[in-house]
């Protein structure tokens, strides 16, 4: 697997950017600003690490965990408001997308890791 070519990691980076920027553009509720900026930045970093080293299976699990944290962050941070499209919806949608792409990337990452060890 070649570096810088995996679409799953580019999607995770894009979600991290969208989450972080939307935290700045939407009215803050609870601790949405801090949580969304932090998790968005961590998604960007984990995506770049995954792109640079595509055989690191553990980083796929880290991305999945960050997606799960993004999903539960509205309840943890006190900004879960399903009646308006705001920070909670951005967290839920972004987290779900990251969990899905991380799950899709695990098998190819395992294969790349296996190929790197056996050759």
N, C-alpha and C. Protein backbone atom coordinates (compact mmCIF):
# COMPACT_ATOMS: atom_id res chain seq x y z
N UNK A 1 0.84 -1.17 0.00
CA UNK A 1 0.00 0.00 0.00
C UNK A 1 0.89 1.24 0.00
N UNK A 2 0.59 2.17 -0.89
CA UNK A 2 1.41 3.36 -1.03
C UNK A 2 0.99 4.43 -0.02
N UNK A 3 1.98 5.21 0.37
CA UNK A 3 1.72 6.31 1.29
C UNK A 3 0.90 7.39 0.60
N UNK A 4 0.10 8.11 1.39
CA UNK A 4 -0.64 9.29 0.96
C UNK A 4 -1.73 8.99 -0.08
N UNK A 5 -2.19 7.74 -0.18
CA UNK A 5 -3.18 7.42 -1.20
C UNK A 5 -4.48 6.85 -0.64
N UNK A 6 -4.58 6.61 0.64
CA UNK A 6 -5.77 5.94 1.17
C UNK A 6 -6.92 6.93 1.38
N UNK A 7 -8.01 6.68 0.69
CA UNK A 7 -9.14 7.61 0.74
C UNK A 7 -9.76 7.65 2.14
N UNK A 8 -9.71 6.55 2.88
CA UNK A 8 -10.32 6.53 4.22
C UNK A 8 -9.65 7.55 5.14
N UNK A 9 -8.34 7.66 5.03
CA UNK A 9 -7.62 8.61 5.88
C UNK A 9 -7.86 10.04 5.44
N UNK A 10 -8.00 10.25 4.13
CA UNK A 10 -8.34 11.60 3.65
C UNK A 10 -9.73 12.02 4.14
N UNK A 11 -10.65 11.06 4.18
CA UNK A 11 -12.00 11.36 4.70
C UNK A 11 -11.92 11.73 6.18
N UNK A 12 -11.13 10.98 6.95
CA UNK A 12 -10.98 11.29 8.37
C UNK A 12 -10.38 12.67 8.58
N UNK A 13 -9.41 13.03 7.77
CA UNK A 13 -8.82 14.37 7.85
C UNK A 13 -9.86 15.43 7.52
N UNK A 14 -10.63 15.20 6.46
CA UNK A 14 -11.67 16.16 6.07
C UNK A 14 -12.71 16.32 7.18
N UNK A 15 -13.11 15.22 7.80
CA UNK A 15 -14.07 15.30 8.90
C UNK A 15 -13.47 16.08 10.06
N UNK A 16 -12.19 15.84 10.36
CA UNK A 16 -11.53 16.60 11.43
C UNK A 16 -11.54 18.09 11.15
N UNK A 17 -11.27 18.46 9.90
CA UNK A 17 -11.28 19.88 9.53
C UNK A 17 -12.68 20.46 9.65
N UNK A 18 -13.68 19.73 9.14
CA UNK A 18 -15.07 20.21 9.20
C UNK A 18 -15.53 20.37 10.64
N UNK A 19 -15.22 19.39 11.48
CA UNK A 19 -15.64 19.47 12.88
C UNK A 19 -14.97 20.65 13.59
N UNK A 20 -13.67 20.83 13.37
CA UNK A 20 -12.96 21.92 14.03
C UNK A 20 -13.45 23.29 13.54
N UNK A 21 -13.63 23.43 12.24
CA UNK A 21 -14.09 24.71 11.70
C UNK A 21 -15.53 25.00 12.11
N UNK A 22 -16.38 23.96 12.10
CA UNK A 22 -17.77 24.18 12.49
C UNK A 22 -17.89 24.56 13.96
N UNK A 23 -16.95 24.10 14.79
CA UNK A 23 -16.97 24.51 16.19
C UNK A 23 -16.74 26.00 16.33
N UNK A 24 -15.97 26.57 15.42
CA UNK A 24 -15.71 28.01 15.45
C UNK A 24 -16.85 28.82 14.86
N UNK A 25 -17.61 28.22 13.92
CA UNK A 25 -18.65 28.96 13.22
C UNK A 25 -20.02 28.86 13.88
N UNK A 26 -20.26 27.79 14.63
CA UNK A 26 -21.57 27.60 15.27
C UNK A 26 -21.55 28.20 16.68
N UNK A 27 -22.73 28.59 17.14
CA UNK A 27 -22.76 29.12 18.51
C UNK A 27 -22.40 28.03 19.52
N UNK A 28 -21.46 28.33 20.42
CA UNK A 28 -21.03 27.31 21.38
C UNK A 28 -22.13 26.97 22.37
N UNK A 29 -22.19 25.69 22.68
CA UNK A 29 -23.14 25.19 23.68
C UNK A 29 -22.35 24.28 24.61
N UNK A 30 -22.47 24.48 25.89
CA UNK A 30 -21.72 23.65 26.83
C UNK A 30 -20.23 23.76 26.54
N UNK A 31 -19.57 22.64 26.45
CA UNK A 31 -18.13 22.65 26.13
C UNK A 31 -17.89 22.17 24.70
N UNK A 32 -18.82 22.51 23.81
CA UNK A 32 -18.70 22.06 22.42
C UNK A 32 -17.45 22.59 21.75
N UNK A 33 -17.10 23.83 22.01
CA UNK A 33 -15.95 24.43 21.35
C UNK A 33 -14.68 23.66 21.67
N UNK A 34 -14.43 23.42 22.93
CA UNK A 34 -13.20 22.72 23.33
C UNK A 34 -13.17 21.29 22.84
N UNK A 35 -14.28 20.57 23.00
CA UNK A 35 -14.30 19.17 22.59
C UNK A 35 -14.18 19.01 21.08
N UNK A 36 -14.92 19.81 20.34
CA UNK A 36 -14.88 19.68 18.88
C UNK A 36 -13.54 20.11 18.30
N UNK A 37 -12.94 21.17 18.84
CA UNK A 37 -11.62 21.58 18.36
C UNK A 37 -10.58 20.51 18.67
N UNK A 38 -10.62 19.98 19.88
CA UNK A 38 -9.64 18.96 20.27
C UNK A 38 -9.79 17.69 19.45
N UNK A 39 -11.02 17.17 19.36
CA UNK A 39 -11.23 15.94 18.62
C UNK A 39 -10.99 16.14 17.12
N UNK A 40 -11.36 17.29 16.59
CA UNK A 40 -11.07 17.58 15.19
C UNK A 40 -9.58 17.60 14.91
N UNK A 41 -8.82 18.26 15.78
CA UNK A 41 -7.36 18.30 15.61
C UNK A 41 -6.75 16.91 15.73
N UNK A 42 -7.23 16.12 16.68
CA UNK A 42 -6.71 14.76 16.83
C UNK A 42 -7.04 13.89 15.62
N UNK A 43 -8.21 14.10 15.02
CA UNK A 43 -8.55 13.36 13.80
C UNK A 43 -7.63 13.75 12.65
N UNK A 44 -7.30 15.01 12.55
CA UNK A 44 -6.39 15.46 11.51
C UNK A 44 -5.01 14.82 11.71
N UNK A 45 -4.52 14.84 12.93
CA UNK A 45 -3.20 14.27 13.22
C UNK A 45 -3.20 12.76 12.96
N UNK A 46 -4.24 12.06 13.43
CA UNK A 46 -4.27 10.61 13.22
C UNK A 46 -4.40 10.27 11.74
N UNK A 47 -5.12 11.08 10.98
CA UNK A 47 -5.23 10.85 9.55
C UNK A 47 -3.90 11.04 8.83
N UNK A 48 -3.15 12.07 9.22
CA UNK A 48 -1.85 12.31 8.61
C UNK A 48 -0.88 11.18 8.96
N UNK A 49 -0.92 10.73 10.22
CA UNK A 49 -0.05 9.60 10.61
C UNK A 49 -0.42 8.36 9.83
N UNK A 50 -1.71 8.09 9.67
CA UNK A 50 -2.15 6.93 8.89
C UNK A 50 -1.73 7.03 7.43
N UNK A 51 -1.79 8.23 6.87
CA UNK A 51 -1.37 8.40 5.48
C UNK A 51 0.13 8.21 5.33
N UNK A 52 0.90 8.67 6.29
CA UNK A 52 2.36 8.56 6.22
C UNK A 52 2.85 7.14 6.47
N UNK A 53 2.14 6.41 7.34
CA UNK A 53 2.53 5.04 7.69
C UNK A 53 1.31 4.13 7.58
N UNK A 54 0.96 3.69 6.37
CA UNK A 54 -0.30 2.98 6.16
C UNK A 54 -0.40 1.60 6.79
N UNK A 55 0.68 1.04 7.30
CA UNK A 55 0.62 -0.29 7.89
C UNK A 55 0.41 -0.30 9.39
N UNK A 56 0.18 0.85 10.00
CA UNK A 56 -0.01 0.92 11.46
C UNK A 56 -1.47 0.64 11.81
N UNK A 57 -1.74 -0.61 12.14
CA UNK A 57 -3.11 -1.02 12.42
C UNK A 57 -3.65 -0.32 13.64
N UNK A 58 -2.81 -0.09 14.63
CA UNK A 58 -3.26 0.55 15.88
C UNK A 58 -3.86 1.93 15.62
N UNK A 59 -3.33 2.65 14.64
CA UNK A 59 -3.85 3.99 14.36
C UNK A 59 -5.26 3.94 13.78
N UNK A 60 -5.61 2.85 13.12
CA UNK A 60 -7.00 2.72 12.64
C UNK A 60 -7.94 2.61 13.82
N UNK A 61 -7.52 1.87 14.84
CA UNK A 61 -8.33 1.76 16.04
C UNK A 61 -8.39 3.08 16.80
N UNK A 62 -7.31 3.83 16.77
CA UNK A 62 -7.30 5.15 17.39
C UNK A 62 -8.31 6.05 16.68
N UNK A 63 -8.31 6.01 15.35
CA UNK A 63 -9.28 6.82 14.61
C UNK A 63 -10.71 6.41 14.94
N UNK A 64 -10.95 5.10 15.02
CA UNK A 64 -12.28 4.64 15.39
C UNK A 64 -12.68 5.10 16.77
N UNK A 65 -11.74 5.06 17.71
CA UNK A 65 -12.02 5.52 19.07
C UNK A 65 -12.30 7.02 19.10
N UNK A 66 -11.57 7.79 18.29
CA UNK A 66 -11.84 9.23 18.20
C UNK A 66 -13.23 9.48 17.63
N UNK A 67 -13.63 8.68 16.65
CA UNK A 67 -14.98 8.80 16.11
C UNK A 67 -16.03 8.50 17.16
N UNK A 68 -15.80 7.46 17.95
CA UNK A 68 -16.75 7.14 19.04
C UNK A 68 -16.79 8.25 20.07
N UNK A 69 -15.63 8.82 20.41
CA UNK A 69 -15.61 9.95 21.34
C UNK A 69 -16.38 11.14 20.78
N UNK A 70 -16.26 11.35 19.49
CA UNK A 70 -16.99 12.44 18.85
C UNK A 70 -18.50 12.20 18.93
N UNK A 71 -18.91 10.94 18.81
CA UNK A 71 -20.34 10.62 18.90
C UNK A 71 -20.87 10.88 20.30
N UNK A 72 -20.14 10.50 21.32
CA UNK A 72 -20.64 10.66 22.70
C UNK A 72 -20.32 12.02 23.30
N UNK A 73 -19.49 12.82 22.64
CA UNK A 73 -19.10 14.12 23.21
C UNK A 73 -20.26 15.08 23.47
N UNK A 74 -21.35 15.09 22.68
CA UNK A 74 -22.44 15.99 23.03
C UNK A 74 -23.05 15.70 24.41
N UNK A 75 -23.10 14.45 24.79
CA UNK A 75 -23.66 14.12 26.10
C UNK A 75 -22.64 14.39 27.20
N UNK A 76 -21.37 14.12 26.91
CA UNK A 76 -20.32 14.38 27.90
C UNK A 76 -20.13 15.88 28.11
N UNK A 77 -20.16 16.63 27.01
CA UNK A 77 -19.90 18.07 27.08
C UNK A 77 -21.12 18.93 27.30
N UNK A 78 -22.28 18.32 27.42
CA UNK A 78 -23.49 19.09 27.71
C UNK A 78 -24.00 19.92 26.55
N UNK A 79 -23.81 19.46 25.34
CA UNK A 79 -24.34 20.21 24.20
C UNK A 79 -25.21 19.34 23.29
N UNK A 80 -25.82 18.33 23.85
CA UNK A 80 -26.71 17.46 23.08
C UNK A 80 -28.07 18.14 22.93
N UNK A 81 -28.30 18.73 21.78
CA UNK A 81 -29.58 19.38 21.47
C UNK A 81 -30.05 18.89 20.11
N UNK A 82 -30.82 17.80 20.08
CA UNK A 82 -31.24 17.24 18.79
C UNK A 82 -32.27 18.08 18.05
N UNK A 83 -32.79 19.12 18.66
CA UNK A 83 -33.85 19.91 18.01
C UNK A 83 -33.29 20.96 17.04
N UNK A 84 -32.04 21.31 17.18
CA UNK A 84 -31.45 22.28 16.26
C UNK A 84 -30.22 21.66 15.61
N UNK A 85 -29.95 22.07 14.38
CA UNK A 85 -28.74 21.59 13.71
C UNK A 85 -27.59 22.44 14.20
N UNK A 86 -26.86 21.89 15.12
CA UNK A 86 -25.75 22.64 15.71
C UNK A 86 -24.58 21.73 15.98
N UNK A 87 -23.82 22.06 17.00
CA UNK A 87 -22.62 21.29 17.30
C UNK A 87 -22.90 19.81 17.57
N UNK A 88 -24.02 19.50 18.18
CA UNK A 88 -24.31 18.09 18.48
C UNK A 88 -24.45 17.28 17.19
N UNK A 89 -25.18 17.81 16.24
CA UNK A 89 -25.36 17.08 14.98
C UNK A 89 -24.05 16.96 14.22
N UNK A 90 -23.22 17.99 14.25
CA UNK A 90 -21.92 17.91 13.59
C UNK A 90 -21.07 16.82 14.24
N UNK A 91 -21.14 16.72 15.56
CA UNK A 91 -20.38 15.68 16.26
C UNK A 91 -20.91 14.30 15.93
N UNK A 92 -22.22 14.13 15.95
CA UNK A 92 -22.80 12.82 15.67
C UNK A 92 -22.51 12.37 14.24
N UNK A 93 -22.73 13.24 13.28
CA UNK A 93 -22.52 12.88 11.87
C UNK A 93 -21.03 12.65 11.60
N UNK A 94 -20.19 13.57 12.05
CA UNK A 94 -18.75 13.41 11.85
C UNK A 94 -18.21 12.16 12.52
N UNK A 95 -18.65 11.90 13.74
CA UNK A 95 -18.21 10.70 14.44
C UNK A 95 -18.63 9.43 13.73
N UNK A 96 -19.86 9.40 13.23
CA UNK A 96 -20.34 8.22 12.52
C UNK A 96 -19.54 7.99 11.24
N UNK A 97 -19.24 9.04 10.52
CA UNK A 97 -18.45 8.91 9.29
C UNK A 97 -17.06 8.36 9.62
N UNK A 98 -16.45 8.88 10.67
CA UNK A 98 -15.10 8.43 11.04
C UNK A 98 -15.11 6.97 11.48
N UNK A 99 -16.10 6.57 12.26
CA UNK A 99 -16.19 5.17 12.69
C UNK A 99 -16.32 4.26 11.48
N UNK A 100 -17.13 4.65 10.51
CA UNK A 100 -17.34 3.82 9.32
C UNK A 100 -16.06 3.72 8.50
N UNK A 101 -15.39 4.85 8.25
CA UNK A 101 -14.18 4.77 7.42
C UNK A 101 -13.04 4.08 8.16
N UNK A 102 -12.98 4.22 9.48
CA UNK A 102 -11.95 3.51 10.24
C UNK A 102 -12.19 2.00 10.17
N UNK A 103 -13.45 1.60 10.26
CA UNK A 103 -13.77 0.17 10.15
C UNK A 103 -13.43 -0.36 8.76
N UNK A 104 -13.67 0.44 7.74
CA UNK A 104 -13.33 0.03 6.38
C UNK A 104 -11.82 -0.03 6.14
N UNK A 105 -11.05 0.73 6.90
CA UNK A 105 -9.61 0.80 6.69
C UNK A 105 -8.84 -0.25 7.49
N UNK A 106 -9.47 -0.92 8.43
CA UNK A 106 -8.74 -1.86 9.28
C UNK A 106 -8.19 -3.03 8.48
N UNK A 107 -9.02 -3.66 7.67
CA UNK A 107 -8.54 -4.84 6.91
C UNK A 107 -7.40 -4.48 5.94
N UNK A 108 -7.51 -3.42 5.13
CA UNK A 108 -6.37 -3.08 4.26
C UNK A 108 -5.10 -2.74 5.05
N UNK A 109 -5.28 -2.12 6.21
CA UNK A 109 -4.12 -1.79 7.03
C UNK A 109 -3.48 -3.06 7.59
N UNK A 110 -4.30 -4.02 7.98
CA UNK A 110 -3.76 -5.30 8.46
C UNK A 110 -3.00 -6.01 7.35
N UNK A 111 -3.54 -5.96 6.14
CA UNK A 111 -2.87 -6.59 4.99
C UNK A 111 -1.54 -5.92 4.70
N UNK A 112 -1.52 -4.59 4.74
CA UNK A 112 -0.27 -3.85 4.49
C UNK A 112 0.75 -4.18 5.58
N UNK A 113 0.30 -4.27 6.81
CA UNK A 113 1.19 -4.61 7.91
C UNK A 113 1.75 -6.02 7.73
N UNK A 114 0.88 -6.95 7.37
CA UNK A 114 1.29 -8.33 7.17
C UNK A 114 2.29 -8.44 6.02
N UNK A 115 2.02 -7.75 4.92
CA UNK A 115 2.92 -7.77 3.76
C UNK A 115 4.28 -7.17 4.09
N UNK A 116 4.28 -6.16 4.92
CA UNK A 116 5.55 -5.50 5.29
C UNK A 116 6.41 -6.42 6.15
N UNK A 117 5.76 -7.23 6.97
CA UNK A 117 6.51 -8.12 7.86
C UNK A 117 7.06 -9.33 7.10
N UNK A 118 6.28 -9.90 6.19
CA UNK A 118 6.69 -11.12 5.53
C UNK A 118 7.68 -10.91 4.39
N UNK A 119 7.85 -9.68 3.93
CA UNK A 119 8.76 -9.46 2.80
C UNK A 119 10.04 -8.85 3.23
